[in-house]
Amino acid sequence: METIIKRSPGMGCIINEGLTTFRVWAPNAE
């Protein structure tokens, strides 16, 4: 599994300093 580092705030797909953070709301997902 890929190491999770330096997450950016915000929703959806956020590009910041060469990294891309994905954040999604899915309360029933496993």
PDB file of all heavy atoms in Angstrom:
ATOM      1  N   MET A   1       0.851  -1.204   0.000  1.00  0.00           N
ATOM      2  CA  MET A   1       0.000   0.000   0.000  1.00  0.00           C
ATOM      3  C   MET A   1       0.877   1.241   0.000  1.00  0.00           C
ATOM      4  O   MET A   1       1.921   1.297   0.626  1.00  0.00           O
ATOM      5  CB  MET A   1      -0.896  -0.012   1.245  1.00  0.00           C
ATOM      6  CG  MET A   1      -1.838   1.194   1.316  1.00  0.00           C
ATOM      7  SD  MET A   1      -2.673   1.290   2.907  1.00  0.00           S
ATOM      8  CE  MET A   1      -3.601  -0.229   2.857  1.00  0.00           C
ATOM      9  N   GLU A   2       0.436   2.246  -0.699  1.00  0.00           N
ATOM     10  CA  GLU A   2       1.194   3.486  -0.794  1.00  0.00           C
ATOM     11  C   GLU A   2       1.120   4.260   0.516  1.00  0.00           C
ATOM     12  O   GLU A   2       0.103   4.292   1.205  1.00  0.00           O
ATOM     13  CB  GLU A   2       0.606   4.333  -1.923  1.00  0.00           C
ATOM     14  CG  GLU A   2       1.369   5.610  -2.169  1.00  0.00           C
ATOM     15  CD  GLU A   2       0.885   6.285  -3.440  1.00  0.00           C
ATOM     16  OE1 GLU A   2       0.354   5.599  -4.322  1.00  0.00           O
ATOM     17  OE2 GLU A   2       1.031   7.506  -3.527  1.00  0.00           O
ATOM     18  N   THR A   3       2.210   4.872   0.896  1.00  0.00           N
ATOM     19  CA  THR A   3       2.265   5.668   2.110  1.00  0.00           C
ATOM     20  C   THR A   3       1.459   6.957   1.926  1.00  0.00           C
ATOM     21  O   THR A   3       1.590   7.645   0.920  1.00  0.00           O
ATOM     22  CB  THR A   3       3.715   6.022   2.466  1.00  0.00           C
ATOM     23  OG1 THR A   3       4.465   4.816   2.578  1.00  0.00           O
ATOM     24  CG2 THR A   3       3.770   6.806   3.765  1.00  0.00           C
ATOM     25  N   ILE A   4       0.645   7.266   2.926  1.00  0.00           N
ATOM     26  CA  ILE A   4      -0.167   8.482   2.877  1.00  0.00           C
ATOM     27  C   ILE A   4       0.587   9.601   3.573  1.00  0.00           C
ATOM     28  O   ILE A   4       0.913   9.510   4.750  1.00  0.00           O
ATOM     29  CB  ILE A   4      -1.523   8.267   3.561  1.00  0.00           C
ATOM     30  CG1 ILE A   4      -2.227   7.049   2.985  1.00  0.00           C
ATOM     31  CG2 ILE A   4      -2.393   9.509   3.440  1.00  0.00           C
ATOM     32  CD1 ILE A   4      -2.604   7.170   1.534  1.00  0.00           C
ATOM     33  N   ILE A   5       0.885  10.663   2.849  1.00  0.00           N
ATOM     34  CA  ILE A   5       1.648  11.759   3.423  1.00  0.00           C
ATOM     35  C   ILE A   5       1.030  13.088   3.030  1.00  0.00           C
ATOM     36  O   ILE A   5       0.418  13.230   1.989  1.00  0.00           O
ATOM     37  CB  ILE A   5       3.115  11.731   2.970  1.00  0.00           C
ATOM     38  CG1 ILE A   5       3.202  11.732   1.430  1.00  0.00           C
ATOM     39  CG2 ILE A   5       3.846  10.540   3.549  1.00  0.00           C
ATOM     40  CD1 ILE A   5       4.615  11.886   0.902  1.00  0.00           C
ATOM     41  N   LYS A   6       1.183  14.043   3.882  1.00  0.00           N
ATOM     42  CA  LYS A   6       0.910  15.454   3.599  1.00  0.00           C
ATOM     43  C   LYS A   6      -0.413  15.662   2.860  1.00  0.00           C
ATOM     44  O   LYS A   6      -0.465  16.163   1.750  1.00  0.00           O
ATOM     45  CB  LYS A   6       2.060  16.045   2.782  1.00  0.00           C
ATOM     46  CG  LYS A   6       2.144  17.578   2.854  1.00  0.00           C
ATOM     47  CD  LYS A   6       3.371  18.078   2.129  1.00  0.00           C
ATOM     48  CE  LYS A   6       3.463  19.585   2.213  1.00  0.00           C
ATOM     49  NZ  LYS A   6       4.662  20.110   1.514  1.00  0.00           N
ATOM     50  N   ARG A   7      -1.486  15.257   3.489  1.00  0.00           N
ATOM     51  CA  ARG A   7      -2.795  15.452   2.863  1.00  0.00           C
ATOM     52  C   ARG A   7      -3.188  16.923   2.861  1.00  0.00           C
ATOM     53  O   ARG A   7      -3.026  17.624   3.847  1.00  0.00           O
ATOM     54  CB  ARG A   7      -3.866  14.667   3.631  1.00  0.00           C
ATOM     55  CG  ARG A   7      -3.717  13.163   3.547  1.00  0.00           C
ATOM     56  CD  ARG A   7      -4.782  12.501   4.381  1.00  0.00           C
ATOM     57  NE  ARG A   7      -4.484  11.085   4.560  1.00  0.00           N
ATOM     58  CZ  ARG A   7      -4.991  10.332   5.514  1.00  0.00           C
ATOM     59  NH1 ARG A   7      -5.809  10.873   6.403  1.00  0.00           N
ATOM     60  NH2 ARG A   7      -4.682   9.054   5.597  1.00  0.00           N
ATOM     61  N   SER A   8      -3.755  17.353   1.758  1.00  0.00           N
ATOM     62  CA  SER A   8      -4.251  18.724   1.662  1.00  0.00           C
ATOM     63  C   SER A   8      -5.692  18.778   2.146  1.00  0.00           C
ATOM     64  O   SER A   8      -6.448  17.814   1.974  1.00  0.00           O
ATOM     65  CB  SER A   8      -4.171  19.213   0.218  1.00  0.00           C
ATOM     66  OG  SER A   8      -2.835  19.289  -0.212  1.00  0.00           O
ATOM     67  N   PRO A   9      -6.104  19.902   2.721  1.00  0.00           N
ATOM     68  CA  PRO A   9      -7.511  20.039   3.134  1.00  0.00           C
ATOM     69  C   PRO A   9      -8.398  20.240   1.921  1.00  0.00           C
ATOM     70  O   PRO A   9      -7.948  20.607   0.835  1.00  0.00           O
ATOM     71  CB  PRO A   9      -7.485  21.276   4.024  1.00  0.00           C
ATOM     72  CG  PRO A   9      -6.326  22.082   3.519  1.00  0.00           C
ATOM     73  CD  PRO A   9      -5.301  21.086   3.068  1.00  0.00           C
ATOM     74  N   GLY A  10      -9.683  20.027   2.138  1.00  0.00           N
ATOM     75  CA  GLY A  10     -10.648  20.241   1.069  1.00  0.00           C
ATOM     76  C   GLY A  10     -11.250  18.949   0.580  1.00  0.00           C
ATOM     77  O   GLY A  10     -10.815  17.850   0.948  1.00  0.00           O
ATOM     78  N   MET A  11     -12.272  19.097  -0.251  1.00  0.00           N
ATOM     79  CA  MET A  11     -12.987  17.939  -0.777  1.00  0.00           C
ATOM     80  C   MET A  11     -12.639  17.711  -2.247  1.00  0.00           C
ATOM     81  O   MET A  11     -12.251  18.623  -2.967  1.00  0.00           O
ATOM     82  CB  MET A  11     -14.496  18.151  -0.631  1.00  0.00           C
ATOM     83  CG  MET A  11     -14.982  18.170   0.802  1.00  0.00           C
ATOM     84  SD  MET A  11     -14.697  16.602   1.659  1.00  0.00           S
ATOM     85  CE  MET A  11     -15.727  15.484   0.694  1.00  0.00           C
ATOM     86  N   GLY A  12     -12.820  16.449  -2.673  1.00  0.00           N
ATOM     87  CA  GLY A  12     -12.587  16.098  -4.064  1.00  0.00           C
ATOM     88  C   GLY A  12     -11.125  15.824  -4.307  1.00  0.00           C
ATOM     89  O   GLY A  12     -10.456  15.134  -3.529  1.00  0.00           O
ATOM     90  N   CYS A  13     -10.601  16.370  -5.387  1.00  0.00           N
ATOM     91  CA  CYS A  13      -9.223  16.151  -5.805  1.00  0.00           C
ATOM     92  C   CYS A  13      -8.464  17.459  -5.671  1.00  0.00           C
ATOM     93  O   CYS A  13      -8.795  18.444  -6.343  1.00  0.00           O
ATOM     94  CB  CYS A  13      -9.222  15.651  -7.248  1.00  0.00           C
ATOM     95  SG  CYS A  13      -7.597  15.359  -7.906  1.00  0.00           S
ATOM     96  N   ILE A  14      -7.448  17.474  -4.804  1.00  0.00           N
ATOM     97  CA  ILE A  14      -6.721  18.714  -4.506  1.00  0.00           C
ATOM     98  C   ILE A  14      -5.260  18.538  -4.899  1.00  0.00           C
ATOM     99  O   ILE A  14      -4.582  17.637  -4.401  1.00  0.00           O
ATOM    100  CB  ILE A  14      -6.813  19.078  -3.006  1.00  0.00           C
ATOM    101  CG1 ILE A  14      -8.282  19.083  -2.547  1.00  0.00           C
ATOM    102  CG2 ILE A  14      -6.179  20.434  -2.750  1.00  0.00           C
ATOM    103  CD1 ILE A  14      -8.684  17.849  -1.781  1.00  0.00           C
ATOM    104  N   ILE A  15      -4.783  19.399  -5.799  1.00  0.00           N
ATOM    105  CA  ILE A  15      -3.399  19.360  -6.256  1.00  0.00           C
ATOM    106  C   ILE A  15      -2.601  20.389  -5.467  1.00  0.00           C
ATOM    107  O   ILE A  15      -2.981  21.565  -5.392  1.00  0.00           O
ATOM    108  CB  ILE A  15      -3.311  19.672  -7.760  1.00  0.00           C
ATOM    109  CG1 ILE A  15      -4.219  18.747  -8.565  1.00  0.00           C
ATOM    110  CG2 ILE A  15      -1.879  19.569  -8.254  1.00  0.00           C
ATOM    111  CD1 ILE A  15      -4.401  19.161 -10.007  1.00  0.00           C
ATOM    112  N   ASN A  16      -1.475  19.957  -4.875  1.00  0.00           N
ATOM    113  CA  ASN A  16      -0.692  20.875  -4.053  1.00  0.00           C
ATOM    114  C   ASN A  16       0.750  20.394  -3.974  1.00  0.00           C
ATOM    115  O   ASN A  16       1.018  19.284  -3.493  1.00  0.00           O
ATOM    116  CB  ASN A  16      -1.294  20.980  -2.653  1.00  0.00           C
ATOM    117  CG  ASN A  16      -0.598  22.012  -1.783  1.00  0.00           C
ATOM    118  OD1 ASN A  16      -0.081  23.003  -2.289  1.00  0.00           O
ATOM    119  ND2 ASN A  16      -0.560  21.775  -0.486  1.00  0.00           N
ATOM    120  N   GLU A  17       1.673  21.206  -4.463  1.00  0.00           N
ATOM    121  CA  GLU A  17       3.113  20.963  -4.357  1.00  0.00           C
ATOM    122  C   GLU A  17       3.507  19.568  -4.850  1.00  0.00           C
ATOM    123  O   GLU A  17       4.240  18.835  -4.187  1.00  0.00           O
ATOM    124  CB  GLU A  17       3.579  21.159  -2.907  1.00  0.00           C
ATOM    125  CG  GLU A  17       3.396  22.597  -2.418  1.00  0.00           C
ATOM    126  CD  GLU A  17       3.882  22.790  -0.992  1.00  0.00           C
ATOM    127  OE1 GLU A  17       4.267  21.780  -0.364  1.00  0.00           O
ATOM    128  OE2 GLU A  17       3.858  23.940  -0.523  1.00  0.00           O
ATOM    129  N   GLY A  18       3.017  19.206  -6.020  1.00  0.00           N
ATOM    130  CA  GLY A  18       3.405  17.943  -6.629  1.00  0.00           C
ATOM    131  C   GLY A  18       2.673  16.730  -6.096  1.00  0.00           C
ATOM    132  O   GLY A  18       2.925  15.608  -6.550  1.00  0.00           O
ATOM    133  N   LEU A  19       1.788  16.933  -5.134  1.00  0.00           N
ATOM    134  CA  LEU A  19       1.011  15.827  -4.575  1.00  0.00           C
ATOM    135  C   LEU A  19      -0.471  16.045  -4.873  1.00  0.00           C
ATOM    136  O   LEU A  19      -0.930  17.178  -5.004  1.00  0.00           O
ATOM    137  CB  LEU A  19       1.216  15.728  -3.065  1.00  0.00           C
ATOM    138  CG  LEU A  19       2.643  15.454  -2.584  1.00  0.00           C
ATOM    139  CD1 LEU A  19       2.703  15.491  -1.062  1.00  0.00           C
ATOM    140  CD2 LEU A  19       3.155  14.106  -3.106  1.00  0.00           C
ATOM    141  N   THR A  20      -1.187  14.941  -4.966  1.00  0.00           N
ATOM    142  CA  THR A  20      -2.629  15.005  -5.199  1.00  0.00           C
ATOM    143  C   THR A  20      -3.345  14.270  -4.078  1.00  0.00           C
ATOM    144  O   THR A  20      -3.084  13.090  -3.827  1.00  0.00           O
ATOM    145  CB  THR A  20      -2.993  14.378  -6.556  1.00  0.00           C
ATOM    146  OG1 THR A  20      -2.326  15.093  -7.595  1.00  0.00           O
ATOM    147  CG2 THR A  20      -4.490  14.443  -6.790  1.00  0.00           C
ATOM    148  N   THR A  21      -4.225  14.993  -3.408  1.00  0.00           N
ATOM    149  CA  THR A  21      -5.030  14.413  -2.329  1.00  0.00           C
ATOM    150  C   THR A  21      -6.446  14.177  -2.832  1.00  0.00           C
ATOM    151  O   THR A  21      -7.036  15.042  -3.486  1.00  0.00           O
ATOM    152  CB  THR A  21      -5.070  15.351  -1.111  1.00  0.00           C
ATOM    153  OG1 THR A  21      -3.745  15.507  -0.594  1.00  0.00           O
ATOM    154  CG2 THR A  21      -5.978  14.781  -0.016  1.00  0.00           C
ATOM    155  N   PHE A  22      -6.973  12.998  -2.540  1.00  0.00           N
ATOM    156  CA  PHE A  22      -8.363  12.667  -2.834  1.00  0.00           C
ATOM    157  C   PHE A  22      -9.116  12.575  -1.515  1.00  0.00           C
ATOM    158  O   PHE A  22      -8.657  11.911  -0.579  1.00  0.00           O
ATOM    159  CB  PHE A  22      -8.464  11.318  -3.566  1.00  0.00           C
ATOM    160  CG  PHE A  22      -7.791  11.293  -4.907  1.00  0.00           C
ATOM    161  CD1 PHE A  22      -6.457  10.887  -5.023  1.00  0.00           C
ATOM    162  CD2 PHE A  22      -8.478  11.668  -6.049  1.00  0.00           C
ATOM    163  CE1 PHE A  22      -5.835  10.859  -6.260  1.00  0.00           C
ATOM    164  CE2 PHE A  22      -7.862  11.642  -7.288  1.00  0.00           C
ATOM    165  CZ  PHE A  22      -6.539  11.238  -7.388  1.00  0.00           C
ATOM    166  N   ARG A  23     -10.260  13.239  -1.431  1.00  0.00           N
ATOM    167  CA  ARG A  23     -11.084  13.130  -0.218  1.00  0.00           C
ATOM    168  C   ARG A  23     -12.543  13.018  -0.635  1.00  0.00           C
ATOM    169  O   ARG A  23     -13.030  13.790  -1.472  1.00  0.00           O
ATOM    170  CB  ARG A  23     -10.882  14.335   0.698  1.00  0.00           C
ATOM    171  CG  ARG A  23     -11.689  14.223   2.007  1.00  0.00           C
ATOM    172  CD  ARG A  23     -11.311  15.308   3.021  1.00  0.00           C
ATOM    173  NE  ARG A  23     -10.008  15.050   3.629  1.00  0.00           N
ATOM    174  CZ  ARG A  23      -8.884  15.690   3.329  1.00  0.00           C
ATOM    175  NH1 ARG A  23      -8.908  16.657   2.406  1.00  0.00           N
ATOM    176  NH2 ARG A  23      -7.748  15.393   3.929  1.00  0.00           N
ATOM    177  N   VAL A  24     -13.240  12.072  -0.024  1.00  0.00           N
ATOM    178  CA  VAL A  24     -14.620  11.799  -0.410  1.00  0.00           C
ATOM    179  C   VAL A  24     -15.423  11.447   0.833  1.00  0.00           C
ATOM    180  O   VAL A  24     -14.890  10.878   1.797  1.00  0.00           O
ATOM    181  CB  VAL A  24     -14.670  10.647  -1.451  1.00  0.00           C
ATOM    182  CG1 VAL A  24     -14.154   9.335  -0.861  1.00  0.00           C
ATOM    183  CG2 VAL A  24     -16.069  10.487  -2.034  1.00  0.00           C
ATOM    184  N   TRP A  25     -16.693  11.807   0.802  1.00  0.00           N
ATOM    185  CA  TRP A  25     -17.622  11.463   1.893  1.00  0.00           C
ATOM    186  C   TRP A  25     -18.398  10.226   1.479  1.00  0.00           C
ATOM    187  O   TRP A  25     -19.127  10.241   0.483  1.00  0.00           O
ATOM    188  CB  TRP A  25     -18.562  12.629   2.150  1.00  0.00           C
ATOM    189  CG  TRP A  25     -19.620  12.354   3.189  1.00  0.00           C
ATOM    190  CD1 TRP A  25     -19.428  11.968   4.486  1.00  0.00           C
ATOM    191  CD2 TRP A  25     -21.028  12.455   3.010  1.00  0.00           C
ATOM    192  NE1 TRP A  25     -20.636  11.826   5.122  1.00  0.00           N
ATOM    193  CE2 TRP A  25     -21.636  12.117   4.234  1.00  0.00           C
ATOM    194  CE3 TRP A  25     -21.848  12.805   1.925  1.00  0.00           C
ATOM    195  CZ2 TRP A  25     -23.021  12.111   4.412  1.00  0.00           C
ATOM    196  CZ3 TRP A  25     -23.212  12.806   2.087  1.00  0.00           C
ATOM    197  CH2 TRP A  25     -23.801  12.457   3.326  1.00  0.00           C
ATOM    198  N   ALA A  26     -18.226   9.138   2.237  1.00  0.00           N
ATOM    199  CA  ALA A  26     -18.906   7.873   1.957  1.00  0.00           C
ATOM    200  C   ALA A  26     -19.042   7.114   3.269  1.00  0.00           C
ATOM    201  O   ALA A  26     -18.304   6.167   3.550  1.00  0.00           O
ATOM    202  CB  ALA A  26     -18.129   7.049   0.933  1.00  0.00           C
ATOM    203  N   PRO A  27     -19.974   7.523   4.134  1.00  0.00           N
ATOM    204  CA  PRO A  27     -20.034   7.005   5.512  1.00  0.00           C
ATOM    205  C   PRO A  27     -20.340   5.516   5.615  1.00  0.00           C
ATOM    206  O   PRO A  27     -20.073   4.917   6.671  1.00  0.00           O
ATOM    207  CB  PRO A  27     -21.145   7.846   6.148  1.00  0.00           C
ATOM    208  CG  PRO A  27     -21.953   8.356   5.004  1.00  0.00           C
ATOM    209  CD  PRO A  27     -20.999   8.540   3.878  1.00  0.00           C
ATOM    210  N   ASN A  28     -20.880   4.910   4.568  1.00  0.00           N
ATOM    211  CA  ASN A  28     -21.234   3.493   4.647  1.00  0.00           C
ATOM    212  C   ASN A  28     -20.248   2.580   3.938  1.00  0.00           C
ATOM    213  O   ASN A  28     -20.452   1.370   3.883  1.00  0.00           O
ATOM    214  CB  ASN A  28     -22.633   3.287   4.057  1.00  0.00           C
ATOM    215  CG  ASN A  28     -23.686   4.092   4.798  1.00  0.00           C
ATOM    216  OD1 ASN A  28     -24.058   3.773   5.922  1.00  0.00           O
ATOM    217  ND2 ASN A  28     -24.141   5.179   4.176  1.00  0.00           N
ATOM    218  N   ALA A  29     -19.185   3.152   3.402  1.00  0.00           N
ATOM    219  CA  ALA A  29     -18.194   2.350   2.704  1.00  0.00           C
ATOM    220  C   ALA A  29     -17.363   1.546   3.699  1.00  0.00           C
ATOM    221  O   ALA A  29     -17.151   1.956   4.846  1.00  0.00           O
ATOM    222  CB  ALA A  29     -17.287   3.247   1.872  1.00  0.00           C
ATOM    223  N   GLU A  30     -16.893   0.385   3.228  1.00  0.00           N
ATOM    224  CA  GLU A  30     -15.980  -0.433   4.025  1.00  0.00           C
ATOM    225  C   GLU A  30     -14.530  -0.212   3.611  1.00  0.00           C
ATOM    226  O   GLU A  30     -13.624  -0.241   4.441  1.00  0.00           O
ATOM    227  CB  GLU A  30     -16.352  -1.913   3.872  1.00  0.00           C
ATOM    228  CG  GLU A  30     -17.749  -2.223   4.418  1.00  0.00           C
ATOM    229  CD  GLU A  30     -18.267  -3.587   3.983  1.00  0.00           C
ATOM    230  OE1 GLU A  30     -17.543  -4.302   3.250  1.00  0.00           O
ATOM    231  OE2 GLU A  30     -19.396  -3.947   4.374  1.00  0.00           O
TER     232      GLU A  30
END
